C-alpha atoms as a PDB file:
ATOM      1  CA  UNK A   1     -13.113  -5.233 -24.305  1.00  0.00           C
ATOM      2  CA  UNK A   2     -10.584  -2.517 -23.472  1.00  0.00           C
ATOM      3  CA  UNK A   3      -7.196  -3.856 -22.406  1.00  0.00           C
ATOM      4  CA  UNK A   4      -5.370  -2.566 -19.349  1.00  0.00           C
ATOM      5  CA  UNK A   5      -1.598  -2.794 -19.332  1.00  0.00           C
ATOM      6  CA  UNK A   6      -0.031  -4.480 -16.355  1.00  0.00           C
ATOM      7  CA  UNK A   7       2.547  -2.387 -14.535  1.00  0.00           C
ATOM      8  CA  UNK A   8       5.943  -4.130 -14.271  1.00  0.00           C
ATOM      9  CA  UNK A   9       6.705  -5.239 -10.715  1.00  0.00           C
ATOM     10  CA  UNK A  10      10.220  -3.809 -11.017  1.00  0.00           C
ATOM     11  CA  UNK A  11      12.587  -2.247 -13.530  1.00  0.00           C
ATOM     12  CA  UNK A  12      14.737  -4.533 -15.671  1.00  0.00           C
ATOM     13  CA  UNK A  13      18.513  -4.284 -15.310  1.00  0.00           C
ATOM     14  CA  UNK A  14      20.571  -3.218 -18.295  1.00  0.00           C
ATOM     15  CA  UNK A  15      23.003  -6.092 -18.976  1.00  0.00           C
ATOM     16  CA  UNK A  16      26.639  -5.112 -18.584  1.00  0.00           C
ATOM     17  CA  UNK A  17      27.559  -6.712 -21.907  1.00  0.00           C
ATOM     18  CA  UNK A  18      24.766  -4.781 -23.605  1.00  0.00           C
ATOM     19  CA  UNK A  19      26.093  -1.493 -22.288  1.00  0.00           C
ATOM     20  CA  UNK A  20      29.647  -2.331 -23.332  1.00  0.00           C
ATOM     21  CA  UNK A  21      28.812  -3.305 -26.885  1.00  0.00           C
ATOM     22  CA  UNK A  22      26.222  -0.663 -27.694  1.00  0.00           C
ATOM     23  CA  UNK A  23      26.099   3.088 -27.502  1.00  0.00           C
ATOM     24  CA  UNK A  24      23.245   3.888 -25.112  1.00  0.00           C
ATOM     25  CA  UNK A  25      22.288   7.495 -24.297  1.00  0.00           C
ATOM     26  CA  UNK A  26      22.805   8.254 -20.611  1.00  0.00           C
ATOM     27  CA  UNK A  27      19.249   9.548 -20.244  1.00  0.00           C
ATOM     28  CA  UNK A  28      17.839   6.099 -21.051  1.00  0.00           C
ATOM     29  CA  UNK A  29      19.569   4.514 -18.046  1.00  0.00           C
ATOM     30  CA  UNK A  30      18.957   5.012 -14.313  1.00  0.00           C
ATOM     31  CA  UNK A  31      21.474   4.021 -11.644  1.00  0.00           C
ATOM     32  CA  UNK A  32      19.814   2.117  -8.791  1.00  0.00           C
ATOM     33  CA  UNK A  33      23.031   1.646  -6.802  1.00  0.00           C
ATOM     34  CA  UNK A  34      26.713   1.607  -7.764  1.00  0.00           C
ATOM     35  CA  UNK A  35      27.191  -0.901 -10.551  1.00  0.00           C
ATOM     36  CA  UNK A  36      23.477  -1.549 -11.059  1.00  0.00           C
ATOM     37  CA  UNK A  37      21.619   0.225 -13.837  1.00  0.00           C
ATOM     38  CA  UNK A  38      18.094  -0.199 -15.150  1.00  0.00           C
ATOM     39  CA  UNK A  39      16.055   1.210 -17.985  1.00  0.00           C
ATOM     40  CA  UNK A  40      15.122   4.760 -17.004  1.00  0.00           C
ATOM     41  CA  UNK A  41      11.671   4.680 -18.575  1.00  0.00           C
ATOM     42  CA  UNK A  42      10.678   1.645 -16.526  1.00  0.00           C
ATOM     43  CA  UNK A  43      12.204   3.145 -13.368  1.00  0.00           C
ATOM     44  CA  UNK A  44      10.350   6.427 -13.835  1.00  0.00           C
ATOM     45  CA  UNK A  45       7.007   4.624 -14.182  1.00  0.00           C
ATOM     46  CA  UNK A  46       7.373   2.727 -10.910  1.00  0.00           C
ATOM     47  CA  UNK A  47       5.783   3.710  -7.625  1.00  0.00           C
ATOM     48  CA  UNK A  48       7.915   3.448  -4.495  1.00  0.00           C
ATOM     49  CA  UNK A  49       6.998  -0.228  -4.007  1.00  0.00           C
ATOM     50  CA  UNK A  50       8.343  -1.130  -7.444  1.00  0.00           C
ATOM     51  CA  UNK A  51      11.524   0.839  -6.855  1.00  0.00           C
ATOM     52  CA  UNK A  52      12.032  -1.000  -3.589  1.00  0.00           C
ATOM     53  CA  UNK A  53      11.573  -4.355  -5.337  1.00  0.00           C
ATOM     54  CA  UNK A  54      14.105  -3.283  -7.956  1.00  0.00           C
ATOM     55  CA  UNK A  55      16.581  -2.340  -5.245  1.00  0.00           C
ATOM     56  CA  UNK A  56      15.961  -5.627  -3.401  1.00  0.00           C
ATOM     57  CA  UNK A  57      16.997  -7.645  -6.441  1.00  0.00           C
ATOM     58  CA  UNK A  58      20.035  -5.434  -6.985  1.00  0.00           C
ATOM     59  CA  UNK A  59      21.191  -5.853  -3.375  1.00  0.00           C
ATOM     60  CA  UNK A  60      20.484  -9.568  -3.040  1.00  0.00           C
ATOM     61  CA  UNK A  61      22.286 -10.330  -6.303  1.00  0.00           C
ATOM     62  CA  UNK A  62      25.531  -9.194  -4.670  1.00  0.00           C
ATOM     63  CA  UNK A  63      24.888 -10.156  -1.051  1.00  0.00           C
ATOM     64  CA  UNK A  64      27.283 -12.700   0.428  1.00  0.00           C
ATOM     65  CA  UNK A  65      25.014 -13.623   3.356  1.00  0.00           C
ATOM     66  CA  UNK A  66      22.884 -16.512   2.084  1.00  0.00           C
ATOM     67  CA  UNK A  67      20.608 -16.332   5.140  1.00  0.00           C
ATOM     68  CA  UNK A  68      19.559 -12.708   4.557  1.00  0.00           C
ATOM     69  CA  UNK A  69      15.812 -12.058   4.491  1.00  0.00           C
ATOM     70  CA  UNK A  70      13.912  -9.059   3.110  1.00  0.00           C
ATOM     71  CA  UNK A  71      11.831  -7.704   5.981  1.00  0.00           C
ATOM     72  CA  UNK A  72       9.715  -4.883   7.401  1.00  0.00           C
ATOM     73  CA  UNK A  73       8.409  -2.394   4.806  1.00  0.00           C
ATOM     74  CA  UNK A  74      10.670  -3.975   2.199  1.00  0.00           C
ATOM     75  CA  UNK A  75       8.932  -7.310   2.661  1.00  0.00           C
ATOM     76  CA  UNK A  76       5.597  -5.496   2.445  1.00  0.00           C
ATOM     77  CA  UNK A  77       6.605  -4.245  -0.999  1.00  0.00           C
ATOM     78  CA  UNK A  78       7.637  -7.771  -1.989  1.00  0.00           C
ATOM     79  CA  UNK A  79       4.182  -8.986  -0.906  1.00  0.00           C
ATOM     80  CA  UNK A  80       2.700  -6.313  -3.231  1.00  0.00           C
ATOM     81  CA  UNK A  81       1.330  -4.252  -0.352  1.00  0.00           C
ATOM     82  CA  UNK A  82       1.167  -0.479  -0.898  1.00  0.00           C
ATOM     83  CA  UNK A  83       3.429   1.856   1.044  1.00  0.00           C
ATOM     84  CA  UNK A  84       2.710   5.385   2.213  1.00  0.00           C
ATOM     85  CA  UNK A  85       5.552   7.900   2.392  1.00  0.00           C
ATOM     86  CA  UNK A  86       8.135   5.180   2.955  1.00  0.00           C
ATOM     87  CA  UNK A  87      11.650   5.740   1.617  1.00  0.00           C
ATOM     88  CA  UNK A  88      12.368   3.867  -1.593  1.00  0.00           C
ATOM     89  CA  UNK A  89      16.134   4.434  -1.612  1.00  0.00           C
ATOM     90  CA  UNK A  90      16.972   1.813   1.015  1.00  0.00           C
ATOM     91  CA  UNK A  91      15.773  -1.622   2.047  1.00  0.00           C
ATOM     92  CA  UNK A  92      15.368  -3.558   5.300  1.00  0.00           C
ATOM     93  CA  UNK A  93      17.135  -6.894   5.598  1.00  0.00           C
ATOM     94  CA  UNK A  94      17.233  -9.344   8.496  1.00  0.00           C
ATOM     95  CA  UNK A  95      20.636 -11.016   8.783  1.00  0.00           C
ATOM     96  CA  UNK A  96      20.212 -13.863  11.302  1.00  0.00           C
ATOM     97  CA  UNK A  97      23.422 -14.653  13.127  1.00  0.00           C
ATOM     98  CA  UNK A  98      25.404 -11.881  11.446  1.00  0.00           C
ATOM     99  CA  UNK A  99      27.317  -9.652  13.837  1.00  0.00           C
ATOM    100  CA  UNK A 100      28.389  -6.872  11.501  1.00  0.00           C
ATOM    101  CA  UNK A 101      26.763  -3.505  12.068  1.00  0.00           C
ATOM    102  CA  UNK A 102      28.166  -1.876   8.951  1.00  0.00           C
ATOM    103  CA  UNK A 103      25.195  -0.967   6.787  1.00  0.00           C
ATOM    104  CA  UNK A 104      25.500   0.107   3.204  1.00  0.00           C
ATOM    105  CA  UNK A 105      23.810   3.424   2.530  1.00  0.00           C
ATOM    106  CA  UNK A 106      20.882   1.627   0.927  1.00  0.00           C
ATOM    107  CA  UNK A 107      20.637  -1.356   3.308  1.00  0.00           C
ATOM    108  CA  UNK A 108      19.421  -1.365   6.920  1.00  0.00           C
ATOM    109  CA  UNK A 109      20.339  -4.644   8.613  1.00  0.00           C
ATOM    110  CA  UNK A 110      18.320  -6.074  11.492  1.00  0.00           C
ATOM    111  CA  UNK A 111      19.970  -8.706  13.674  1.00  0.00           C
ATOM    112  CA  UNK A 112      16.957 -10.614  14.963  1.00  0.00           C
ATOM    113  CA  UNK A 113      15.970 -14.282  14.726  1.00  0.00           C
ATOM    114  CA  UNK A 114      13.705 -15.575  11.972  1.00  0.00           C
ATOM    115  CA  UNK A 115      12.036 -18.962  12.400  1.00  0.00           C
ATOM    116  CA  UNK A 116      11.804 -21.238   9.375  1.00  0.00           C
ATOM    117  CA  UNK A 117       8.036 -20.858   9.517  1.00  0.00           C
ATOM    118  CA  UNK A 118       8.427 -17.108   9.069  1.00  0.00           C
ATOM    119  CA  UNK A 119      10.136 -17.470   5.682  1.00  0.00           C
ATOM    120  CA  UNK A 120       8.926 -17.780   2.110  1.00  0.00           C
ATOM    121  CA  UNK A 121      10.351 -17.187  -1.349  1.00  0.00           C
ATOM    122  CA  UNK A 122       8.931 -14.421  -3.532  1.00  0.00           C
ATOM    123  CA  UNK A 123      10.386 -13.861  -6.987  1.00  0.00           C
ATOM    124  CA  UNK A 124      13.518 -15.731  -5.930  1.00  0.00           C
ATOM    125  CA  UNK A 125      14.059 -13.619  -2.784  1.00  0.00           C
ATOM    126  CA  UNK A 126      13.883 -14.842   0.823  1.00  0.00           C
ATOM    127  CA  UNK A 127      11.113 -12.783   2.443  1.00  0.00           C
ATOM    128  CA  UNK A 128       9.308 -12.841   5.783  1.00  0.00           C
ATOM    129  CA  UNK A 129       5.793 -14.293   5.658  1.00  0.00           C
ATOM    130  CA  UNK A 130       2.862 -11.903   5.414  1.00  0.00           C
ATOM    131  CA  UNK A 131       1.904 -11.973   9.104  1.00  0.00           C
ATOM    132  CA  UNK A 132       5.543 -11.638  10.237  1.00  0.00           C
ATOM    133  CA  UNK A 133       5.991  -8.819   7.720  1.00  0.00           C
ATOM    134  CA  UNK A 134       2.979  -6.930   9.044  1.00  0.00           C
ATOM    135  CA  UNK A 135       4.114  -7.424  12.651  1.00  0.00           C
ATOM    136  CA  UNK A 136       7.616  -6.103  11.895  1.00  0.00           C
ATOM    137  CA  UNK A 137       6.523  -3.256   9.631  1.00  0.00           C
ATOM    138  CA  UNK A 138       3.752  -1.729  11.736  1.00  0.00           C
ATOM    139  CA  UNK A 139       6.202  -1.297  14.620  1.00  0.00           C
ATOM    140  CA  UNK A 140       8.786   0.484  12.497  1.00  0.00           C
ATOM    141  CA  UNK A 141       7.023   2.814  10.065  1.00  0.00           C
ATOM    142  CA  UNK A 142       4.846   5.862  10.677  1.00  0.00           C
ATOM    143  CA  UNK A 143       1.347   5.373  12.055  1.00  0.00           C
ATOM    144  CA  UNK A 144      -0.166   6.241   8.685  1.00  0.00           C
ATOM    145  CA  UNK A 145       2.080   3.823   6.797  1.00  0.00           C
ATOM    146  CA  UNK A 146       1.335   1.111   9.359  1.00  0.00           C
ATOM    147  CA  UNK A 147      -2.424   1.402   8.849  1.00  0.00           C
ATOM    148  CA  UNK A 148      -1.969   1.334   5.064  1.00  0.00           C
ATOM    149  CA  UNK A 149       0.095  -1.864   5.296  1.00  0.00           C
ATOM    150  CA  UNK A 150      -2.239  -3.702   7.678  1.00  0.00           C
ATOM    151  CA  UNK A 151      -5.383  -2.647   5.793  1.00  0.00           C
ATOM    152  CA  UNK A 152      -3.866  -3.905   2.543  1.00  0.00           C
ATOM    153  CA  UNK A 153      -2.763  -7.188   4.112  1.00  0.00           C
ATOM    154  CA  UNK A 154      -6.273  -7.835   5.403  1.00  0.00           C
ATOM    155  CA  UNK A 155      -7.695  -7.024   2.000  1.00  0.00           C
ATOM    156  CA  UNK A 156      -5.210  -9.380   0.337  1.00  0.00           C
ATOM    157  CA  UNK A 157      -6.240 -12.343   2.500  1.00  0.00           C
ATOM    158  CA  UNK A 158      -9.944 -11.626   2.982  1.00  0.00           C
ATOM    159  CA  UNK A 159     -11.515  -9.477   0.262  1.00  0.00           C
ATOM    160  CA  UNK A 160     -13.810 -11.354  -2.137  1.00  0.00           C
ATOM    161  CA  UNK A 161     -14.053  -9.536  -5.466  1.00  0.00           C
ATOM    162  CA  UNK A 162     -16.938 -11.683  -6.665  1.00  0.00           C
ATOM    163  CA  UNK A 163     -19.076 -10.934  -3.612  1.00  0.00           C
ATOM    164  CA  UNK A 164     -17.769  -7.370  -3.202  1.00  0.00           C
ATOM    165  CA  UNK A 165     -17.363  -8.107   0.497  1.00  0.00           C
ATOM    166  CA  UNK A 166     -14.813  -8.929   3.163  1.00  0.00           C
ATOM    167  CA  UNK A 167     -14.540 -12.485   4.462  1.00  0.00           C
ATOM    168  CA  UNK A 168     -14.737 -11.539   8.128  1.00  0.00           C
ATOM    169  CA  UNK A 169     -13.545 -14.928   9.384  1.00  0.00           C
ATOM    170  CA  UNK A 170     -10.435 -14.836   7.185  1.00  0.00           C
ATOM    171  CA  UNK A 171      -9.700 -11.250   8.216  1.00  0.00           C
ATOM    172  CA  UNK A 172     -10.046 -11.987  11.916  1.00  0.00           C
ATOM    173  CA  UNK A 173      -7.909 -15.128  11.652  1.00  0.00           C
ATOM    174  CA  UNK A 174      -5.098 -13.069  10.138  1.00  0.00           C
ATOM    175  CA  UNK A 175      -5.563 -10.300  12.716  1.00  0.00           C
ATOM    176  CA  UNK A 176      -5.312 -12.926  15.458  1.00  0.00           C
ATOM    177  CA  UNK A 177      -2.008 -14.205  14.059  1.00  0.00           C
ATOM    178  CA  UNK A 178      -0.497 -10.728  14.254  1.00  0.00           C
ATOM    179  CA  UNK A 179      -2.011 -10.187  17.711  1.00  0.00           C
ATOM    180  CA  UNK A 180      -0.322 -13.352  18.993  1.00  0.00           C
ATOM    181  CA  UNK A 181       3.027 -11.997  17.858  1.00  0.00           C
ATOM    182  CA  UNK A 182       2.339  -8.727  19.660  1.00  0.00           C
ATOM    183  CA  UNK A 183       1.288 -10.508  22.852  1.00  0.00           C
ATOM    184  CA  UNK A 184       4.498 -12.550  22.757  1.00  0.00           C
ATOM    185  CA  UNK A 185       6.687  -9.424  22.636  1.00  0.00           C
ATOM    186  CA  UNK A 186       5.300  -7.071  25.265  1.00  0.00           C
ATOM    187  CA  UNK A 187       7.631  -4.118  25.671  1.00  0.00           C
ATOM    188  CA  UNK A 188       9.258  -4.474  22.259  1.00  0.00           C
ATOM    189  CA  UNK A 189       9.982  -1.326  20.312  1.00  0.00           C
ATOM    190  CA  UNK A 190       6.870   0.041  18.596  1.00  0.00           C
ATOM    191  CA  UNK A 191       4.565  -2.479  20.251  1.00  0.00           C
ATOM    192  CA  UNK A 192       2.056   0.125  21.464  1.00  0.00           C
ATOM    193  CA  UNK A 193       1.579   1.457  17.944  1.00  0.00           C
ATOM    194  CA  UNK A 194       1.354  -2.109  16.624  1.00  0.00           C
ATOM    195  CA  UNK A 195      -1.448  -2.944  19.046  1.00  0.00           C
ATOM    196  CA  UNK A 196      -3.414   0.192  18.121  1.00  0.00           C
ATOM    197  CA  UNK A 197      -3.036  -0.458  14.397  1.00  0.00           C
ATOM    198  CA  UNK A 198      -4.028  -4.100  14.813  1.00  0.00           C
ATOM    199  CA  UNK A 199      -7.230  -3.038  16.561  1.00  0.00           C
ATOM    200  CA  UNK A 200      -8.339  -0.537  13.895  1.00  0.00           C
ATOM    201  CA  UNK A 201      -7.085  -2.160  10.673  1.00  0.00           C
ATOM    202  CA  UNK A 202      -9.836  -2.776   8.133  1.00  0.00           C
ATOM    203  CA  UNK A 203      -9.496  -4.771   4.921  1.00  0.00           C
ATOM    204  CA  UNK A 204     -12.365  -2.923   3.266  1.00  0.00           C
ATOM    205  CA  UNK A 205     -10.059   0.007   2.529  1.00  0.00           C
ATOM    206  CA  UNK A 206      -9.172  -0.198  -1.144  1.00  0.00           C
ATOM    207  CA  UNK A 207      -6.467   2.451  -1.459  1.00  0.00           C
ATOM    208  CA  UNK A 208      -3.782   3.987   0.782  1.00  0.00           C
ATOM    209  CA  UNK A 209      -5.596   7.331   0.702  1.00  0.00           C
ATOM    210  CA  UNK A 210      -8.704   5.679   2.125  1.00  0.00           C
ATOM    211  CA  UNK A 211      -6.684   4.100   4.936  1.00  0.00           C
ATOM    212  CA  UNK A 212      -5.018   7.369   5.896  1.00  0.00           C
ATOM    213  CA  UNK A 213      -8.272   9.340   5.691  1.00  0.00           C
ATOM    214  CA  UNK A 214     -10.041   6.825   7.938  1.00  0.00           C
ATOM    215  CA  UNK A 215      -7.215   6.991  10.478  1.00  0.00           C
ATOM    216  CA  UNK A 216      -7.246  10.780  10.519  1.00  0.00           C
ATOM    217  CA  UNK A 217     -11.033  10.904  10.815  1.00  0.00           C
ATOM    218  CA  UNK A 218     -10.713   8.680  13.885  1.00  0.00           C
ATOM    219  CA  UNK A 219      -7.941  10.779  15.430  1.00  0.00           C
ATOM    220  CA  UNK A 220      -9.824  14.025  14.728  1.00  0.00           C
ATOM    221  CA  UNK A 221     -13.104  12.787  16.178  1.00  0.00           C
ATOM    222  CA  UNK A 222     -15.035  13.007  12.909  1.00  0.00           C
ATOM    223  CA  UNK A 223     -18.190  10.913  12.420  1.00  0.00           C
ATOM    224  CA  UNK A 224     -17.390   7.221  12.000  1.00  0.00           C
ATOM    225  CA  UNK A 225     -18.048   6.116   8.409  1.00  0.00           C
ATOM    226  CA  UNK A 226     -19.202   2.766   7.081  1.00  0.00           C
ATOM    227  CA  UNK A 227     -16.612   1.535   4.587  1.00  0.00           C
ATOM    228  CA  UNK A 228     -17.430   0.181   1.130  1.00  0.00           C
ATOM    229  CA  UNK A 229     -21.131   0.708   1.792  1.00  0.00           C
ATOM    230  CA  UNK A 230     -23.160  -1.147  -0.809  1.00  0.00           C
ATOM    231  CA  UNK A 231     -25.831   0.667  -2.820  1.00  0.00           C
ATOM    232  CA  UNK A 232     -28.010  -1.305  -5.264  1.00  0.00           C
ATOM    233  CA  UNK A 233     -30.078   0.427  -7.931  1.00  0.00           C
ATOM    234  CA  UNK A 234     -32.480  -2.516  -8.141  1.00  0.00           C
ATOM    235  CA  UNK A 235     -31.435  -3.445 -11.673  1.00  0.00           C
ATOM    236  CA  UNK A 236     -28.261  -5.321 -10.841  1.00  0.00           C
ATOM    237  CA  UNK A 237     -25.965  -2.315 -10.719  1.00  0.00           C
ATOM    238  CA  UNK A 238     -24.133  -1.731  -7.459  1.00  0.00           C
ATOM    239  CA  UNK A 239     -21.807   0.893  -6.057  1.00  0.00           C
ATOM    240  CA  UNK A 240     -19.476   0.597  -3.089  1.00  0.00           C
ATOM    241  CA  UNK A 241     -19.163   3.953  -1.326  1.00  0.00           C
ATOM    242  CA  UNK A 242     -15.771   4.629   0.252  1.00  0.00           C
ATOM    243  CA  UNK A 243     -17.093   6.399   3.359  1.00  0.00           C
ATOM    244  CA  UNK A 244     -20.843   6.293   3.989  1.00  0.00           C
ATOM    245  CA  UNK A 245     -22.538   8.313   6.719  1.00  0.00           C
ATOM    246  CA  UNK A 246     -26.153   7.073   6.486  1.00  0.00           C
ATOM    247  CA  UNK A 247     -27.257   8.854   9.656  1.00  0.00           C
ATOM    248  CA  UNK A 248     -26.159  12.152   8.103  1.00  0.00           C
ATOM    249  CA  UNK A 249     -27.355  11.414   4.579  1.00  0.00           C
ATOM    250  CA  UNK A 250     -23.789  11.880   3.326  1.00  0.00           C
ATOM    251  CA  UNK A 251     -20.989   9.971   1.695  1.00  0.00           C
ATOM    252  CA  UNK A 252     -17.368  10.723   0.884  1.00  0.00           C
ATOM    253  CA  UNK A 253     -15.265   9.387  -1.963  1.00  0.00           C
ATOM    254  CA  UNK A 254     -11.482   9.322  -2.079  1.00  0.00           C
ATOM    255  CA  UNK A 255     -10.761  10.433  -5.625  1.00  0.00           C
ATOM    256  CA  UNK A 256      -7.101   9.761  -6.396  1.00  0.00           C
ATOM    257  CA  UNK A 257      -5.568  11.345  -9.480  1.00  0.00           C
ATOM    258  CA  UNK A 258      -4.130   8.005 -10.594  1.00  0.00           C
ATOM    259  CA  UNK A 259      -7.421   6.835 -12.081  1.00  0.00           C
ATOM    260  CA  UNK A 260      -7.320   9.821 -14.459  1.00  0.00           C
ATOM    261  CA  UNK A 261      -3.568  10.008 -15.110  1.00  0.00           C
ATOM    262  CA  UNK A 262      -1.955   6.587 -14.743  1.00  0.00           C
ATOM    263  CA  UNK A 263      -1.670   4.902 -18.172  1.00  0.00           C
ATOM    264  CA  UNK A 264      -1.605   1.477 -16.526  1.00  0.00           C
ATOM    265  CA  UNK A 265      -4.983   2.155 -14.909  1.00  0.00           C
ATOM    266  CA  UNK A 266      -6.472   3.933 -17.896  1.00  0.00           C
ATOM    267  CA  UNK A 267      -5.507   1.276 -20.410  1.00  0.00           C
ATOM    268  CA  UNK A 268      -7.107   2.308 -23.698  1.00  0.00           C
ATOM    269  CA  UNK A 269      -9.559   4.664 -22.031  1.00  0.00           C
ATOM    270  CA  UNK A 270      -9.275   8.424 -21.807  1.00  0.00           C
ATOM    271  CA  UNK A 271      -9.413  10.460 -18.616  1.00  0.00           C
ATOM    272  CA  UNK A 272     -12.650  12.109 -19.720  1.00  0.00           C
ATOM    273  CA  UNK A 273     -14.251   8.676 -20.119  1.00  0.00           C
ATOM    274  CA  UNK A 274     -13.355   7.778 -16.545  1.00  0.00           C
ATOM    275  CA  UNK A 275     -14.642  11.135 -15.326  1.00  0.00           C
ATOM    276  CA  UNK A 276     -17.925  10.623 -17.196  1.00  0.00           C
ATOM    277  CA  UNK A 277     -18.359   7.209 -15.575  1.00  0.00           C
ATOM    278  CA  UNK A 278     -17.663   8.683 -12.144  1.00  0.00           C
ATOM    279  CA  UNK A 279     -20.225  11.433 -12.699  1.00  0.00           C
ATOM    280  CA  UNK A 280     -22.820   8.920 -13.896  1.00  0.00           C
ATOM    281  CA  UNK A 281     -22.195   6.723 -10.861  1.00  0.00           C
ATOM    282  CA  UNK A 282     -22.566   9.700  -8.541  1.00  0.00           C
ATOM    283  CA  UNK A 283     -25.842  10.749 -10.153  1.00  0.00           C
ATOM    284  CA  UNK A 284     -27.541   7.389  -9.768  1.00  0.00           C
ATOM    285  CA  UNK A 285     -26.264   6.897  -6.209  1.00  0.00           C
ATOM    286  CA  UNK A 286     -27.715  10.297  -5.315  1.00  0.00           C
ATOM    287  CA  UNK A 287     -30.960   9.347  -7.010  1.00  0.00           C
ATOM    288  CA  UNK A 288     -31.206   6.046  -5.095  1.00  0.00           C
ATOM    289  CA  UNK A 289     -30.092   7.319  -1.678  1.00  0.00           C
ATOM    290  CA  UNK A 290     -30.861  11.029  -1.672  1.00  0.00           C
ATOM    291  CA  UNK A 291     -27.494  11.554   0.005  1.00  0.00           C
ATOM    292  CA  UNK A 292     -24.985  14.346  -0.516  1.00  0.00           C
ATOM    293  CA  UNK A 293     -21.578  13.367  -1.937  1.00  0.00           C
ATOM    294  CA  UNK A 294     -18.217  14.992  -1.262  1.00  0.00           C
ATOM    295  CA  UNK A 295     -14.986  14.118  -3.027  1.00  0.00           C
ATOM    296  CA  UNK A 296     -11.439  14.576  -1.829  1.00  0.00           C
ATOM    297  CA  UNK A 297      -7.946  13.399  -2.712  1.00  0.00           C
ATOM    298  CA  UNK A 298      -4.358  13.788  -1.638  1.00  0.00           C
ATOM    299  CA  UNK A 299      -4.590  17.506  -2.460  1.00  0.00           C
ATOM    300  CA  UNK A 300      -6.892  17.882   0.567  1.00  0.00           C
ATOM    301  CA  UNK A 301      -4.720  15.749   2.839  1.00  0.00           C
ATOM    302  CA  UNK A 302      -1.033  16.720   2.678  1.00  0.00           C
ATOM    303  CA  UNK A 303      -1.153  16.426   6.470  1.00  0.00           C
ATOM    304  CA  UNK A 304      -3.705  15.891   9.213  1.00  0.00           C
ATOM    305  CA  UNK A 305      -4.124  19.616   9.887  1.00  0.00           C
ATOM    306  CA  UNK A 306      -5.037  20.323   6.267  1.00  0.00           C
ATOM    307  CA  UNK A 307      -7.414  17.366   6.252  1.00  0.00           C
ATOM    308  CA  UNK A 308      -9.081  18.689   9.401  1.00  0.00           C
ATOM    309  CA  UNK A 309      -9.566  22.012   7.640  1.00  0.00           C
ATOM    310  CA  UNK A 310     -11.173  20.198   4.710  1.00  0.00           C
ATOM    311  CA  UNK A 311     -13.534  18.279   7.020  1.00  0.00           C
ATOM    312  CA  UNK A 312     -14.547  21.568   8.637  1.00  0.00           C
ATOM    313  CA  UNK A 313     -15.219  23.061   5.211  1.00  0.00           C
ATOM    314  CA  UNK A 314     -17.780  20.312   4.532  1.00  0.00           C
ATOM    315  CA  UNK A 315     -19.222  20.484   8.074  1.00  0.00           C
ATOM    316  CA  UNK A 316     -17.910  17.142   9.322  1.00  0.00           C
ATOM    317  CA  UNK A 317     -15.868  18.771  12.071  1.00  0.00           C
ATOM    318  CA  UNK A 318     -16.889  21.710  14.248  1.00  0.00           C
END
């Protein structure tokens, strides 16, 4: 069996004593914040979520407020949720009872209450619970980032990898918990966006690109797809199609570059092996369904206008 390396959750700090006693080339070290340095190779390999987690540990290690809580998009990163175009050079922290408004350049403090039931410990850090995190984050980030976060949270609590299906009851129970928070804070900042995102969030989305594409298809008035549509070849092999349009005899696949380029996803495989598998999968799905496939990635969706142009090019928008 081919082994896949696990990506580190954050970059390791370079011990001060290590740096003092050994000659270390500057290019092997990255500065996260003043006085905090990590191994540059590990830092460079991290996505924004991992960089945020690294910064969280750097900040909390020197924070004097023992009641501080990682929150909002920062808490989402701590919960291992993906982020979409969210800054990774600063973190959100709730400081209950603290009156100071002086933020460090890399720390945004929120002075709001946090109930004991809204707290948990992740990797030694005080973090808001998943439902509180989603409620806070989807009011504060962009619409696209909000959908990515809520989709991923639903998938985390409700997706069953063995059945290749969403546990609808678990998903709706979590959605209801966030909805109750929204209903209890009518008029709060960002609440209208939060309600919209809560209504459309779908845990079947597997990747941030799928979440954003689905949102933009909705906003643009494109045909509504069925997500993770199951196709069975009759011999035990199945495929889950990202965006199926059965009534049109079409399906779309979000084809991120990471599967071909990321060494942590490739493991011991080569990019051409992954591409060959993708082509084989596409051929047998076409053979079983008779449908037309179209592939797209972030190159086709730098913004909603460009994505609309792409959808027009494949006749899914007039």
